[in-house]
Amino acid sequence: MGTRQEQPAESYGTRVFHAASLVAAFGLMACATGQPPYPGERAADSSIAHQVRVALNSDPQLYARHVDISVNQGVVHLGGYVWAPEDFELARKDAQGVPGVKAVDLRMQLLRGGMAK
């Protein structure tokens, strides 16, 4: 039968350090996730998203059918696809023109000839 070697016990200070490190890590993660929006903020964001959709679809120079819109605390995130390089700036200007928009984050991709660039 094999003999089992005993591992040296961790010191009390080492265990306290590890426990404090875990508590600090969980605390940082909790702060990083932020607070969920209040019902009023969700309603405002939903209204802004609708108004941005109307603004994009009303622009005769922009084909916005494949542009995705999400809003978080007044920041508009535009994703999806556009067909021409100038569409990026058109979409940004249209979204920024909506009351309540604090910033516009463009994450759209340029699609040419059916292939994303």
N, C-alpha and C. Protein backbone atom coordinates (compact mmCIF):
# COMPACT_ATOMS: atom_id res chain seq x y z
N MET A 1 0.84 -1.18 0.00
CA MET A 1 0.00 0.00 0.00
C MET A 1 0.88 1.24 0.00
N GLY A 2 0.47 2.20 -0.77
CA GLY A 2 1.25 3.42 -0.86
C GLY A 2 1.09 4.27 0.39
N THR A 3 2.10 4.99 0.67
CA THR A 3 2.01 5.89 1.81
C THR A 3 1.54 7.25 1.33
N ARG A 4 0.78 7.83 2.12
CA ARG A 4 0.23 9.13 1.77
C ARG A 4 1.03 10.21 2.47
N GLN A 5 1.53 11.14 1.69
CA GLN A 5 2.29 12.22 2.29
C GLN A 5 1.34 13.35 2.64
N GLU A 6 1.52 13.87 3.78
CA GLU A 6 0.66 14.96 4.22
C GLU A 6 1.20 16.28 3.68
N GLN A 7 0.28 17.09 3.19
CA GLN A 7 0.64 18.41 2.70
C GLN A 7 0.74 19.35 3.90
N PRO A 8 1.67 20.27 3.86
CA PRO A 8 1.75 21.22 4.97
C PRO A 8 0.49 22.09 4.99
N ALA A 9 -0.01 22.32 6.17
CA ALA A 9 -1.23 23.12 6.33
C ALA A 9 -0.94 24.57 5.98
N GLU A 10 -1.92 25.20 5.33
CA GLU A 10 -1.77 26.62 5.02
C GLU A 10 -1.84 27.41 6.31
N SER A 11 -1.10 28.47 6.35
CA SER A 11 -1.14 29.30 7.55
C SER A 11 -2.47 30.05 7.60
N TYR A 12 -2.79 30.48 8.78
CA TYR A 12 -4.03 31.24 8.97
C TYR A 12 -4.02 32.50 8.11
N GLY A 13 -2.89 33.18 8.05
CA GLY A 13 -2.77 34.41 7.26
C GLY A 13 -3.00 34.16 5.77
N THR A 14 -2.51 33.03 5.25
CA THR A 14 -2.70 32.70 3.84
C THR A 14 -4.17 32.46 3.55
N ARG A 15 -4.86 31.76 4.45
CA ARG A 15 -6.29 31.50 4.24
C ARG A 15 -7.09 32.79 4.28
N VAL A 16 -6.75 33.69 5.19
CA VAL A 16 -7.45 34.97 5.28
C VAL A 16 -7.20 35.78 4.01
N PHE A 17 -5.97 35.76 3.51
CA PHE A 17 -5.65 36.48 2.28
C PHE A 17 -6.47 35.95 1.10
N HIS A 18 -6.56 34.62 0.97
CA HIS A 18 -7.34 34.03 -0.13
C HIS A 18 -8.82 34.38 0.00
N ALA A 19 -9.34 34.34 1.20
CA ALA A 19 -10.76 34.67 1.41
C ALA A 19 -11.01 36.14 1.07
N ALA A 20 -10.12 37.03 1.52
CA ALA A 20 -10.29 38.45 1.23
C ALA A 20 -10.18 38.72 -0.27
N SER A 21 -9.30 37.99 -0.96
CA SER A 21 -9.16 38.15 -2.41
C SER A 21 -10.44 37.76 -3.13
N LEU A 22 -11.07 36.66 -2.69
CA LEU A 22 -12.33 36.24 -3.31
C LEU A 22 -13.43 37.26 -3.09
N VAL A 23 -13.52 37.77 -1.86
CA VAL A 23 -14.55 38.77 -1.56
C VAL A 23 -14.33 40.01 -2.42
N ALA A 24 -13.09 40.46 -2.55
CA ALA A 24 -12.80 41.63 -3.38
C ALA A 24 -13.13 41.38 -4.84
N ALA A 25 -12.82 40.20 -5.35
CA ALA A 25 -13.11 39.88 -6.75
C ALA A 25 -14.61 39.89 -7.01
N PHE A 26 -15.37 39.28 -6.10
CA PHE A 26 -16.83 39.28 -6.28
C PHE A 26 -17.39 40.69 -6.18
N GLY A 27 -16.82 41.51 -5.31
CA GLY A 27 -17.27 42.89 -5.18
C GLY A 27 -17.02 43.69 -6.45
N LEU A 28 -15.85 43.49 -7.06
CA LEU A 28 -15.55 44.18 -8.32
C LEU A 28 -16.48 43.73 -9.43
N MET A 29 -16.78 42.44 -9.48
CA MET A 29 -17.69 41.95 -10.52
C MET A 29 -19.08 42.54 -10.33
N ALA A 30 -19.52 42.66 -9.09
CA ALA A 30 -20.85 43.22 -8.84
C ALA A 30 -20.91 44.68 -9.27
N CYS A 31 -19.85 45.43 -9.02
CA CYS A 31 -19.82 46.84 -9.43
C CYS A 31 -19.75 46.98 -10.95
N ALA A 32 -19.06 46.08 -11.60
CA ALA A 32 -18.87 46.17 -13.04
C ALA A 32 -20.15 45.89 -13.81
N THR A 33 -21.05 45.10 -13.24
CA THR A 33 -22.27 44.77 -13.97
C THR A 33 -23.25 45.93 -13.97
N GLY A 34 -23.15 46.85 -13.04
CA GLY A 34 -24.02 48.02 -13.02
C GLY A 34 -25.44 47.67 -12.61
N GLN A 35 -26.22 48.69 -12.43
CA GLN A 35 -27.61 48.52 -12.02
C GLN A 35 -28.48 48.30 -13.25
N PRO A 36 -29.45 47.41 -13.15
CA PRO A 36 -30.38 47.28 -14.27
C PRO A 36 -31.20 48.56 -14.40
N PRO A 37 -31.63 48.88 -15.60
CA PRO A 37 -32.39 50.12 -15.77
C PRO A 37 -33.73 50.06 -15.04
N TYR A 38 -34.15 51.20 -14.57
CA TYR A 38 -35.46 51.31 -13.92
C TYR A 38 -36.54 51.25 -15.00
N PRO A 39 -37.78 50.95 -14.61
CA PRO A 39 -38.86 50.87 -15.62
C PRO A 39 -38.98 52.15 -16.45
N GLY A 40 -38.78 53.30 -15.83
CA GLY A 40 -38.85 54.56 -16.58
C GLY A 40 -37.74 54.68 -17.61
N GLU A 41 -36.54 54.20 -17.24
CA GLU A 41 -35.43 54.23 -18.20
C GLU A 41 -35.68 53.27 -19.35
N ARG A 42 -36.24 52.10 -19.04
CA ARG A 42 -36.55 51.14 -20.10
C ARG A 42 -37.56 51.72 -21.07
N ALA A 43 -38.57 52.40 -20.54
CA ALA A 43 -39.59 53.00 -21.40
C ALA A 43 -38.97 54.10 -22.27
N ALA A 44 -38.09 54.91 -21.67
CA ALA A 44 -37.43 55.98 -22.43
C ALA A 44 -36.55 55.38 -23.52
N ASP A 45 -35.79 54.34 -23.18
CA ASP A 45 -34.93 53.69 -24.17
C ASP A 45 -35.74 53.07 -25.29
N SER A 46 -36.87 52.47 -24.96
CA SER A 46 -37.74 51.88 -25.97
C SER A 46 -38.29 52.95 -26.91
N SER A 47 -38.67 54.08 -26.33
CA SER A 47 -39.18 55.19 -27.14
C SER A 47 -38.09 55.74 -28.06
N ILE A 48 -36.87 55.88 -27.53
CA ILE A 48 -35.76 56.36 -28.34
C ILE A 48 -35.48 55.39 -29.48
N ALA A 49 -35.48 54.09 -29.19
CA ALA A 49 -35.23 53.09 -30.24
C ALA A 49 -36.26 53.20 -31.35
N HIS A 50 -37.53 53.38 -30.96
CA HIS A 50 -38.59 53.52 -31.97
C HIS A 50 -38.36 54.78 -32.82
N GLN A 51 -38.03 55.89 -32.17
CA GLN A 51 -37.81 57.15 -32.89
C GLN A 51 -36.59 57.06 -33.82
N VAL A 52 -35.54 56.34 -33.37
CA VAL A 52 -34.37 56.16 -34.23
C VAL A 52 -34.74 55.32 -35.44
N ARG A 53 -35.53 54.27 -35.23
CA ARG A 53 -35.98 53.42 -36.35
C ARG A 53 -36.76 54.27 -37.37
N VAL A 54 -37.66 55.12 -36.88
CA VAL A 54 -38.43 56.00 -37.77
C VAL A 54 -37.49 56.95 -38.52
N ALA A 55 -36.51 57.52 -37.81
CA ALA A 55 -35.58 58.46 -38.44
C ALA A 55 -34.76 57.76 -39.52
N LEU A 56 -34.26 56.57 -39.24
CA LEU A 56 -33.46 55.84 -40.23
C LEU A 56 -34.30 55.46 -41.44
N ASN A 57 -35.51 54.97 -41.19
CA ASN A 57 -36.37 54.56 -42.31
C ASN A 57 -36.90 55.74 -43.12
N SER A 58 -36.93 56.93 -42.50
CA SER A 58 -37.42 58.12 -43.20
C SER A 58 -36.35 58.79 -44.06
N ASP A 59 -35.10 58.40 -43.88
CA ASP A 59 -34.01 59.01 -44.64
C ASP A 59 -33.98 58.39 -46.04
N PRO A 60 -34.29 59.18 -47.09
CA PRO A 60 -34.33 58.61 -48.44
C PRO A 60 -32.95 58.20 -48.97
N GLN A 61 -31.88 58.67 -48.34
CA GLN A 61 -30.53 58.32 -48.80
C GLN A 61 -29.98 57.06 -48.13
N LEU A 62 -30.72 56.50 -47.17
CA LEU A 62 -30.22 55.39 -46.38
C LEU A 62 -31.15 54.20 -46.47
N TYR A 63 -30.60 53.04 -46.81
CA TYR A 63 -31.36 51.80 -46.77
C TYR A 63 -31.04 51.13 -45.43
N ALA A 64 -31.96 51.27 -44.48
CA ALA A 64 -31.69 50.85 -43.10
C ALA A 64 -32.42 49.59 -42.68
N ARG A 65 -32.88 48.83 -43.64
CA ARG A 65 -33.66 47.63 -43.31
C ARG A 65 -32.85 46.62 -42.50
N HIS A 66 -31.53 46.58 -42.70
CA HIS A 66 -30.70 45.60 -42.02
C HIS A 66 -29.88 46.21 -40.87
N VAL A 67 -30.33 47.37 -40.38
CA VAL A 67 -29.66 48.00 -39.25
C VAL A 67 -30.41 47.62 -37.98
N ASP A 68 -29.67 47.06 -37.02
CA ASP A 68 -30.23 46.69 -35.72
C ASP A 68 -30.05 47.86 -34.76
N ILE A 69 -31.06 48.09 -33.94
CA ILE A 69 -31.04 49.22 -33.01
C ILE A 69 -31.28 48.71 -31.60
N SER A 70 -30.42 49.11 -30.68
CA SER A 70 -30.67 48.89 -29.26
C SER A 70 -30.26 50.16 -28.53
N VAL A 71 -30.91 50.42 -27.41
CA VAL A 71 -30.63 51.63 -26.64
C VAL A 71 -30.46 51.24 -25.18
N ASN A 72 -29.43 51.77 -24.56
CA ASN A 72 -29.19 51.52 -23.14
C ASN A 72 -28.85 52.85 -22.48
N GLN A 73 -29.74 53.33 -21.65
CA GLN A 73 -29.58 54.60 -20.93
C GLN A 73 -29.25 55.75 -21.87
N GLY A 74 -29.96 55.81 -22.98
CA GLY A 74 -29.81 56.91 -23.94
C GLY A 74 -28.70 56.73 -24.95
N VAL A 75 -27.89 55.68 -24.82
CA VAL A 75 -26.82 55.42 -25.78
C VAL A 75 -27.36 54.46 -26.84
N VAL A 76 -27.35 54.90 -28.08
CA VAL A 76 -27.88 54.11 -29.19
C VAL A 76 -26.76 53.25 -29.76
N HIS A 77 -27.04 51.95 -29.89
CA HIS A 77 -26.10 51.01 -30.49
C HIS A 77 -26.69 50.56 -31.82
N LEU A 78 -25.97 50.83 -32.91
CA LEU A 78 -26.42 50.44 -34.23
C LEU A 78 -25.54 49.31 -34.75
N GLY A 79 -26.18 48.20 -35.09
CA GLY A 79 -25.47 47.05 -35.61
C GLY A 79 -26.06 46.65 -36.95
N GLY A 80 -25.68 45.50 -37.43
CA GLY A 80 -26.22 45.02 -38.70
C GLY A 80 -25.36 45.42 -39.87
N TYR A 81 -26.00 45.67 -41.01
CA TYR A 81 -25.28 45.91 -42.26
C TYR A 81 -25.76 47.17 -42.96
N VAL A 82 -24.82 47.83 -43.62
CA VAL A 82 -25.14 48.94 -44.52
C VAL A 82 -24.46 48.63 -45.85
N TRP A 83 -24.87 49.34 -46.89
CA TRP A 83 -24.44 49.01 -48.25
C TRP A 83 -23.39 49.93 -48.82
N ALA A 84 -23.20 51.10 -48.22
CA ALA A 84 -22.24 52.06 -48.75
C ALA A 84 -21.49 52.72 -47.59
N PRO A 85 -20.24 53.11 -47.81
CA PRO A 85 -19.46 53.73 -46.74
C PRO A 85 -20.12 54.97 -46.13
N GLU A 86 -20.79 55.76 -46.96
CA GLU A 86 -21.43 56.98 -46.44
C GLU A 86 -22.63 56.68 -45.54
N ASP A 87 -23.13 55.45 -45.59
CA ASP A 87 -24.28 55.07 -44.74
C ASP A 87 -23.93 55.11 -43.26
N PHE A 88 -22.66 54.92 -42.92
CA PHE A 88 -22.26 55.00 -41.51
C PHE A 88 -22.56 56.38 -40.95
N GLU A 89 -22.13 57.40 -41.67
CA GLU A 89 -22.33 58.77 -41.19
C GLU A 89 -23.80 59.18 -41.26
N LEU A 90 -24.51 58.74 -42.31
CA LEU A 90 -25.95 59.04 -42.39
C LEU A 90 -26.68 58.45 -41.20
N ALA A 91 -26.39 57.22 -40.86
CA ALA A 91 -27.05 56.56 -39.73
C ALA A 91 -26.72 57.27 -38.42
N ARG A 92 -25.45 57.65 -38.25
CA ARG A 92 -25.05 58.35 -37.03
C ARG A 92 -25.80 59.67 -36.89
N LYS A 93 -25.84 60.45 -37.98
CA LYS A 93 -26.52 61.75 -37.93
C LYS A 93 -28.01 61.59 -37.67
N ASP A 94 -28.64 60.61 -38.33
CA ASP A 94 -30.07 60.39 -38.11
C ASP A 94 -30.35 60.02 -36.66
N ALA A 95 -29.52 59.15 -36.09
CA ALA A 95 -29.73 58.73 -34.70
C ALA A 95 -29.46 59.87 -33.74
N GLN A 96 -28.41 60.65 -33.98
CA GLN A 96 -28.09 61.75 -33.09
C GLN A 96 -29.15 62.85 -33.12
N GLY A 97 -29.93 62.91 -34.17
CA GLY A 97 -30.98 63.91 -34.28
C GLY A 97 -32.21 63.60 -33.45
N VAL A 98 -32.27 62.43 -32.86
CA VAL A 98 -33.43 62.05 -32.05
C VAL A 98 -33.26 62.61 -30.63
N PRO A 99 -34.29 63.29 -30.11
CA PRO A 99 -34.19 63.82 -28.75
C PRO A 99 -33.97 62.70 -27.73
N GLY A 100 -33.08 62.96 -26.78
CA GLY A 100 -32.80 61.99 -25.72
C GLY A 100 -31.60 61.11 -26.00
N VAL A 101 -31.07 61.15 -27.23
CA VAL A 101 -29.89 60.34 -27.56
C VAL A 101 -28.65 61.02 -26.99
N LYS A 102 -27.92 60.28 -26.15
CA LYS A 102 -26.70 60.80 -25.53
C LYS A 102 -25.46 60.54 -26.39
N ALA A 103 -25.44 59.38 -27.04
CA ALA A 103 -24.29 59.00 -27.87
C ALA A 103 -24.75 57.92 -28.84
N VAL A 104 -23.96 57.71 -29.89
CA VAL A 104 -24.26 56.68 -30.88
C VAL A 104 -23.02 55.80 -31.04
N ASP A 105 -23.22 54.51 -30.87
CA ASP A 105 -22.16 53.52 -31.01
C ASP A 105 -22.41 52.74 -32.30
N LEU A 106 -21.52 52.90 -33.28
CA LEU A 106 -21.69 52.22 -34.57
C LEU A 106 -20.94 50.89 -34.56
N ARG A 107 -21.68 49.83 -34.77
CA ARG A 107 -21.08 48.50 -34.88
C ARG A 107 -21.57 47.81 -36.15
N MET A 108 -21.95 48.63 -37.11
CA MET A 108 -22.44 48.09 -38.38
C MET A 108 -21.27 47.61 -39.22
N GLN A 109 -21.58 46.75 -40.15
CA GLN A 109 -20.59 46.26 -41.10
C GLN A 109 -20.98 46.69 -42.50
N LEU A 110 -19.97 46.90 -43.32
CA LEU A 110 -20.20 47.27 -44.71
C LEU A 110 -20.36 46.00 -45.53
N LEU A 111 -21.46 45.92 -46.26
CA LEU A 111 -21.74 44.75 -47.08
C LEU A 111 -21.66 45.18 -48.54
N ARG A 112 -20.76 44.54 -49.29
CA ARG A 112 -20.60 44.86 -50.71
C ARG A 112 -20.73 43.57 -51.51
N GLY A 113 -21.57 43.58 -52.48
CA GLY A 113 -21.72 42.42 -53.34
C GLY A 113 -22.10 41.16 -52.59
N GLY A 114 -22.84 41.33 -51.49
CA GLY A 114 -23.28 40.17 -50.72
C GLY A 114 -22.24 39.63 -49.76
N MET A 115 -21.11 40.33 -49.59
CA MET A 115 -20.05 39.86 -48.68
C MET A 115 -19.70 40.96 -47.71
N ALA A 116 -19.60 40.60 -46.43
CA ALA A 116 -19.21 41.58 -45.41
C ALA A 116 -17.74 41.90 -45.54
N LYS A 117 -17.41 43.17 -45.40
CA LYS A 117 -16.00 43.60 -45.46
C LYS A 117 -15.52 43.92 -44.08
